[in-house]
Amino acid sequence: MPQTRLYILDQGDSTDGDRNTQIGRIFTCLADGTEGYDLVKGLKSHPDGIAVCSNHKYIFWTNMGHPGPDGWTDSGSIQRCNLDGKNVVTIIEPGTATHTPKQLVIAEKSKKLYWCDREGMRVMRCDLDGNNVDTLIRNGDVNMAEHRGDYLRWCVGIAVDEGEGYIYWTQKGPPKGGKGKILRCPIDGVGENGEGVETLFEGLPEPIDLCLDLPAGMMYWTDRGDIPLGNTVNRARIPKKREKVTREILIRKLHEGIGLELDVKNRAMFITDLLGGVYKANLDGSHEQVLFPDLGTLTGITLAHFD
């Protein structure tokens, strides 16, 4: 019998108020919230973005690293494990190639990982084994504290359209600041002058994770900003070049909305928020359900189909 299984990142909680003592996990369950269990435990570096290979061989996730007195330190990493949670391997070691990695996606045709690096102010990619790391977008100098602390430079959510040859990403802007953006560029990136970057939306409350429904030509994203326009799930038609489109708010009143995954096959979407909620709805936002009201301190979510 065909099944859809969710994979959810929980950053964990600390008992002493120190964010560096949080112990996270990967939690998995069926699409209706049943048959849930911890797949991977003991994640100590603030896991954030997660993706599963279409051949079900590996689960990949990003770790933001650790906060310091002057912001997040250069301690981000990327790990993977087998689908059963075994054989955890670090494919990008802390402090070597990415500063604060966020949402992560897999480009199946090219067998590449793409992710956003928040304080690194970059859009990046690498092979599935962590080799051949490329920087495709660079919004500042990672060695300059002034740049790292500039919210307007921060890249967070990412989606890839290999067929049309585009990368899409969010820049969240200041918390609840109304200065967020969604942008795109050619899949191989742009030059130092940024030529080829197209701003699709601006003035958004605080856009976070991003997904594409390519068969329907639609884009979806979570927004963590203030209500009524923030803490929402949004969608819009994927615009043609230099075309302006309007967004539609599908779901409101999230509690610091973060993770988003589309189940295009079954016309459903799944959302997480930082206060622990896991939600399911149709792709038009109807029939919203609460699968879990308080599962942890949740970030990324992904899914896999099993026949």
Protein backbone atom coordinates (compact mmCIF):
# COMPACT_ATOMS: atom_id res chain seq x y z
CA MET A 1 0.00 0.00 0.00
CA PRO A 2 1.51 3.39 -0.97
CA GLN A 3 2.57 5.57 1.93
CA THR A 4 3.90 9.07 2.43
CA ARG A 5 6.32 9.59 5.31
CA LEU A 6 7.32 12.93 6.80
CA TYR A 7 10.76 13.82 8.16
CA ILE A 8 10.82 16.74 10.60
CA LEU A 9 13.72 18.57 12.24
CA ASP A 10 13.48 19.51 15.91
CA GLN A 11 16.23 21.79 17.23
CA GLY A 12 15.50 20.64 20.77
CA ASP A 13 15.34 22.54 24.04
CA SER A 14 17.94 23.43 26.61
CA THR A 15 17.35 23.01 30.33
CA ASP A 16 19.72 25.78 31.39
CA GLY A 17 18.83 28.53 28.92
CA ASP A 18 22.04 28.01 26.93
CA ARG A 19 21.23 27.51 23.24
CA ASN A 20 24.49 25.62 22.82
CA THR A 21 23.16 22.78 25.00
CA GLN A 22 20.07 22.08 22.88
CA ILE A 23 19.81 18.47 21.68
CA GLY A 24 17.88 18.07 18.43
CA ARG A 25 16.49 15.15 16.43
CA ILE A 26 14.92 13.97 13.19
CA PHE A 27 11.35 12.81 13.85
CA THR A 28 9.45 10.77 11.27
CA CYS A 29 5.79 9.81 10.90
CA LEU A 30 3.19 9.01 8.27
CA ALA A 31 1.41 11.86 6.51
CA ASP A 32 -1.53 11.61 8.91
CA GLY A 33 0.74 11.94 11.95
CA THR A 34 0.59 8.28 12.96
CA GLU A 35 3.44 5.79 13.43
CA GLY A 36 5.83 8.48 14.64
CA TYR A 37 9.24 7.91 16.18
CA ASP A 38 12.70 9.47 16.52
CA LEU A 39 14.86 8.49 13.56
CA VAL A 40 18.05 10.32 14.57
CA LYS A 41 18.73 11.73 18.05
CA GLY A 42 21.51 13.75 19.65
CA LEU A 43 21.82 16.55 17.06
CA LYS A 44 23.72 19.32 18.84
CA SER A 45 24.18 22.00 16.19
CA HIS A 46 20.71 23.45 15.51
CA PRO A 47 19.46 21.44 12.49
CA ASP A 48 17.48 23.58 10.07
CA GLY A 49 16.96 22.30 6.49
CA ILE A 50 16.22 18.72 5.41
CA ALA A 51 15.79 16.80 2.13
CA VAL A 52 15.45 13.17 1.02
CA CYS A 53 16.84 11.69 -2.21
CA SER A 54 14.19 10.50 -4.65
CA ASN A 55 15.82 7.05 -4.66
CA HIS A 56 15.42 6.95 -0.86
CA LYS A 57 19.10 6.33 -0.32
CA TYR A 58 19.95 9.29 1.92
CA ILE A 59 18.50 12.00 4.13
CA PHE A 60 20.47 15.26 4.14
CA TRP A 61 20.23 18.11 6.63
CA THR A 62 21.93 21.38 7.47
CA ASN A 63 23.17 22.41 10.91
CA MET A 64 23.31 26.13 11.66
CA GLY A 65 26.11 25.64 14.16
CA HIS A 66 26.31 27.58 17.42
CA PRO A 67 25.52 31.13 18.52
CA GLY A 68 28.18 33.28 20.14
CA PRO A 69 28.17 36.62 21.96
CA ASP A 70 28.32 38.51 18.65
CA GLY A 71 25.97 36.39 16.56
CA TRP A 72 26.21 32.93 15.05
CA THR A 73 29.72 31.55 14.79
CA ASP A 74 31.26 30.06 11.66
CA SER A 75 30.34 26.52 12.71
CA GLY A 76 27.68 25.40 10.22
CA SER A 77 27.77 21.94 8.65
CA ILE A 78 25.84 19.51 6.44
CA GLN A 79 25.21 15.87 7.33
CA ARG A 80 23.49 12.87 5.82
CA CYS A 81 22.34 9.43 6.95
CA ASN A 82 20.72 6.35 5.50
CA LEU A 83 16.94 6.33 5.28
CA ASP A 84 16.79 4.20 8.43
CA GLY A 85 18.73 6.84 10.38
CA LYS A 86 21.96 4.86 10.49
CA ASN A 87 25.42 5.79 9.21
CA VAL A 88 25.40 9.51 10.02
CA VAL A 89 28.16 11.20 8.00
CA THR A 90 29.28 14.85 7.97
CA ILE A 91 29.79 15.79 4.33
CA ILE A 92 30.66 19.45 5.02
CA GLU A 93 32.57 19.86 8.25
CA PRO A 94 31.87 22.73 10.67
CA GLY A 95 33.64 25.96 9.79
CA THR A 96 35.01 24.77 6.45
CA ALA A 97 32.66 25.84 3.67
CA THR A 98 29.38 27.26 4.98
CA HIS A 99 28.65 29.63 7.85
CA THR A 100 24.98 29.24 8.84
CA PRO A 101 23.25 26.89 6.36
CA LYS A 102 19.45 27.03 6.22
CA GLN A 103 16.92 25.44 3.83
CA LEU A 104 18.35 22.63 1.70
CA VAL A 105 17.05 21.05 -1.53
CA ILE A 106 18.26 18.32 -3.88
CA ALA A 107 18.49 18.87 -7.64
CA GLU A 108 17.83 15.31 -8.77
CA LYS A 109 18.95 15.58 -12.41
CA SER A 110 22.35 17.07 -11.65
CA LYS A 111 22.67 15.26 -8.28
CA LYS A 112 23.52 18.47 -6.45
CA LEU A 113 22.62 19.93 -3.06
CA TYR A 114 21.56 23.58 -3.01
CA TRP A 115 21.21 25.62 0.16
CA CYS A 116 21.12 29.14 1.55
CA ASP A 117 23.80 30.32 3.97
CA ARG A 118 22.26 33.01 6.18
CA GLU A 119 25.14 34.88 7.85
CA GLY A 120 27.32 33.70 4.99
CA MET A 121 24.98 35.77 2.78
CA ARG A 122 25.28 33.16 0.04
CA VAL A 123 23.41 30.71 -2.14
CA MET A 124 25.55 27.57 -2.48
CA ARG A 125 25.68 24.07 -3.94
CA CYS A 126 27.81 20.94 -3.83
CA ASP A 127 27.85 17.31 -4.90
CA LEU A 128 25.91 14.78 -2.83
CA ASP A 129 29.17 13.73 -1.16
CA GLY A 130 30.02 17.32 -0.18
CA ASN A 131 32.65 17.87 -2.85
CA ASN A 132 32.81 20.70 -5.40
CA VAL A 133 31.29 23.44 -3.25
CA ASP A 134 30.22 26.45 -5.34
CA THR A 135 29.01 29.90 -4.31
CA LEU A 136 26.31 31.05 -6.74
CA ILE A 137 25.14 34.23 -5.03
CA ARG A 138 27.22 36.37 -2.67
CA ASN A 139 25.57 39.32 -0.91
CA GLY A 140 28.51 40.41 1.22
CA ASP A 141 31.88 39.61 2.74
CA VAL A 142 31.56 36.81 5.31
CA ASN A 143 34.68 38.11 7.06
CA MET A 144 33.05 41.47 7.82
CA ALA A 145 30.91 41.53 10.98
CA GLU A 146 28.97 44.52 9.65
CA HIS A 147 27.90 42.50 6.62
CA ARG A 148 27.08 39.35 8.62
CA GLY A 149 24.82 41.37 10.90
CA ASP A 150 22.90 43.00 8.04
CA TYR A 151 19.53 41.21 7.86
CA LEU A 152 18.91 42.54 4.37
CA ARG A 153 21.76 40.38 3.06
CA TRP A 154 20.58 37.12 4.68
CA CYS A 155 19.58 34.26 2.35
CA VAL A 156 17.26 31.69 3.95
CA GLY A 157 14.85 29.66 1.78
CA ILE A 158 15.66 28.02 -1.55
CA ALA A 159 14.04 26.14 -4.44
CA VAL A 160 15.44 24.93 -7.76
CA ASP A 161 13.84 24.49 -11.18
CA GLU A 162 16.30 22.43 -13.21
CA GLY A 163 13.98 22.27 -16.21
CA GLU A 164 13.85 26.04 -16.73
CA GLY A 165 17.29 26.60 -15.23
CA TYR A 166 16.50 28.85 -12.25
CA ILE A 167 17.28 29.12 -8.55
CA TYR A 168 14.74 30.84 -6.30
CA TRP A 169 15.56 32.08 -2.81
CA THR A 170 14.28 34.25 0.03
CA GLN A 171 16.04 37.09 1.83
CA LYS A 172 14.19 37.50 5.11
CA GLY A 173 15.15 41.02 6.11
CA PRO A 174 14.88 42.26 9.71
CA PRO A 175 12.58 40.33 12.09
CA LYS A 176 8.98 41.41 11.39
CA GLY A 177 10.55 44.17 9.30
CA GLY A 178 8.51 44.18 6.10
CA LYS A 179 11.67 44.20 3.97
CA GLY A 180 11.79 40.58 2.85
CA LYS A 181 12.34 39.51 -0.76
CA ILE A 182 12.00 36.55 -3.09
CA LEU A 183 14.52 36.47 -5.92
CA ARG A 184 15.71 34.22 -8.73
CA CYS A 185 18.67 33.88 -11.04
CA PRO A 186 20.10 31.39 -13.56
CA ILE A 187 20.92 28.05 -11.98
CA ASP A 188 24.68 28.50 -12.35
CA GLY A 189 24.61 31.80 -10.47
CA VAL A 190 25.67 35.29 -11.47
CA GLY A 191 28.80 37.37 -11.61
CA GLU A 192 30.22 39.67 -8.96
CA ASN A 193 28.00 42.54 -10.08
CA GLY A 194 24.81 40.50 -9.52
CA GLU A 195 23.67 40.85 -13.12
CA GLY A 196 20.91 38.35 -13.82
CA VAL A 197 19.25 38.49 -10.38
CA GLU A 198 15.53 39.20 -10.63
CA THR A 199 13.47 40.41 -7.65
CA LEU A 200 10.06 38.73 -7.79
CA PHE A 201 8.64 40.08 -4.52
CA GLU A 202 9.79 42.72 -2.07
CA GLY A 203 8.34 44.35 1.02
CA LEU A 204 7.34 40.96 2.45
CA PRO A 205 7.02 40.63 6.26
CA GLU A 206 9.77 37.98 6.71
CA PRO A 207 9.81 35.15 4.12
CA ILE A 208 11.48 31.91 5.20
CA ASP A 209 11.17 28.53 3.41
CA LEU A 210 10.25 28.21 -0.25
CA CYS A 211 8.80 25.43 -2.46
CA LEU A 212 7.76 25.09 -6.10
CA ASP A 213 4.82 23.22 -7.62
CA LEU A 214 6.30 23.04 -11.10
CA PRO A 215 3.45 21.17 -12.85
CA ALA A 216 1.02 23.88 -11.74
CA GLY A 217 3.49 26.73 -12.19
CA MET A 218 3.09 27.91 -8.58
CA MET A 219 5.47 28.95 -5.80
CA TYR A 220 4.75 28.66 -2.07
CA TRP A 221 6.50 30.10 0.98
CA THR A 222 6.22 30.54 4.71
CA ASP A 223 6.45 33.98 6.25
CA ARG A 224 7.49 34.52 9.85
CA GLY A 225 6.59 38.21 10.05
CA ASP A 226 3.86 39.94 12.04
CA ILE A 227 0.19 39.15 11.52
CA PRO A 228 -2.00 39.69 9.56
CA LEU A 229 0.37 39.36 6.58
CA GLY A 230 3.07 37.42 8.42
CA ASN A 231 3.03 34.03 10.14
CA THR A 232 1.36 32.79 7.00
CA VAL A 233 1.68 30.37 4.10
CA ASN A 234 1.58 32.15 0.75
CA ARG A 235 1.51 31.24 -2.91
CA ALA A 236 1.80 32.98 -6.25
CA ARG A 237 2.08 32.04 -9.87
CA ILE A 238 5.70 31.61 -10.95
CA PRO A 239 6.21 34.77 -13.00
CA LYS A 240 7.59 34.98 -16.46
CA LYS A 241 10.69 37.11 -16.93
CA ARG A 242 10.07 40.70 -15.74
CA GLU A 243 6.44 39.87 -14.99
CA LYS A 244 4.86 41.05 -11.74
CA VAL A 245 2.36 38.77 -10.01
CA THR A 246 0.37 39.01 -6.78
CA ARG A 247 0.55 36.66 -3.82
CA GLU A 248 -2.30 34.87 -2.09
CA ILE A 249 -2.33 34.11 1.65
CA LEU A 250 -3.51 30.53 2.18
CA ILE A 251 -2.95 29.92 5.90
CA ARG A 252 -2.73 32.44 8.74
CA LYS A 253 -1.83 32.58 12.44
CA LEU A 254 1.18 30.28 12.46
CA HIS A 255 3.43 30.47 15.50
CA GLU A 256 6.73 31.56 13.90
CA GLY A 257 6.19 29.69 10.63
CA ILE A 258 9.33 28.01 9.26
CA GLY A 259 9.25 24.68 7.41
CA LEU A 260 7.27 23.93 4.26
CA GLU A 261 7.01 20.89 1.99
CA LEU A 262 4.65 20.17 -0.89
CA ASP A 263 3.19 16.77 -1.71
CA VAL A 264 2.29 17.58 -5.30
CA LYS A 265 1.31 13.97 -5.99
CA ASN A 266 -1.41 14.06 -3.33
CA ARG A 267 -2.16 17.81 -3.62
CA ALA A 268 -1.19 18.52 -0.03
CA MET A 269 1.28 20.66 1.89
CA PHE A 270 2.91 20.33 5.29
CA ILE A 271 4.06 23.19 7.50
CA THR A 272 6.03 23.50 10.73
CA ASP A 273 6.43 26.38 13.13
CA LEU A 274 9.07 27.16 15.70
CA LEU A 275 6.65 26.71 18.60
CA GLY A 276 6.14 23.06 17.68
CA GLY A 277 3.13 22.87 15.39
CA VAL A 278 2.93 20.51 12.39
CA TYR A 279 0.09 21.23 9.98
CA LYS A 280 -1.37 19.62 6.87
CA ALA A 281 -3.60 21.29 4.28
CA ASN A 282 -4.64 21.03 0.67
CA LEU A 283 -2.51 23.01 -1.77
CA ASP A 284 -5.18 25.72 -1.87
CA GLY A 285 -5.01 26.06 1.92
CA SER A 286 -8.32 24.33 2.59
CA HIS A 287 -8.90 21.53 5.10
CA GLU A 288 -6.10 22.62 7.42
CA GLN A 289 -5.34 20.04 10.11
CA VAL A 290 -3.08 20.12 13.16
CA LEU A 291 -1.03 16.91 13.12
CA PHE A 292 0.96 17.90 16.21
CA PRO A 293 0.31 20.98 18.38
CA ASP A 294 3.70 20.94 20.15
CA LEU A 295 6.29 18.52 18.81
CA GLY A 296 9.34 20.58 19.76
CA THR A 297 11.29 23.54 18.39
CA LEU A 298 10.67 22.77 14.74
CA THR A 299 12.45 23.92 11.60
CA GLY A 300 12.67 21.97 8.32
CA ILE A 301 10.29 19.34 6.97
CA THR A 302 10.42 17.02 3.96
CA LEU A 303 8.69 13.86 2.76
CA ALA A 304 9.17 10.66 0.77
CA HIS A 305 6.72 8.40 -1.08
CA PHE A 306 6.85 4.63 -0.71
CA ASP A 307 4.98 2.30 -3.07
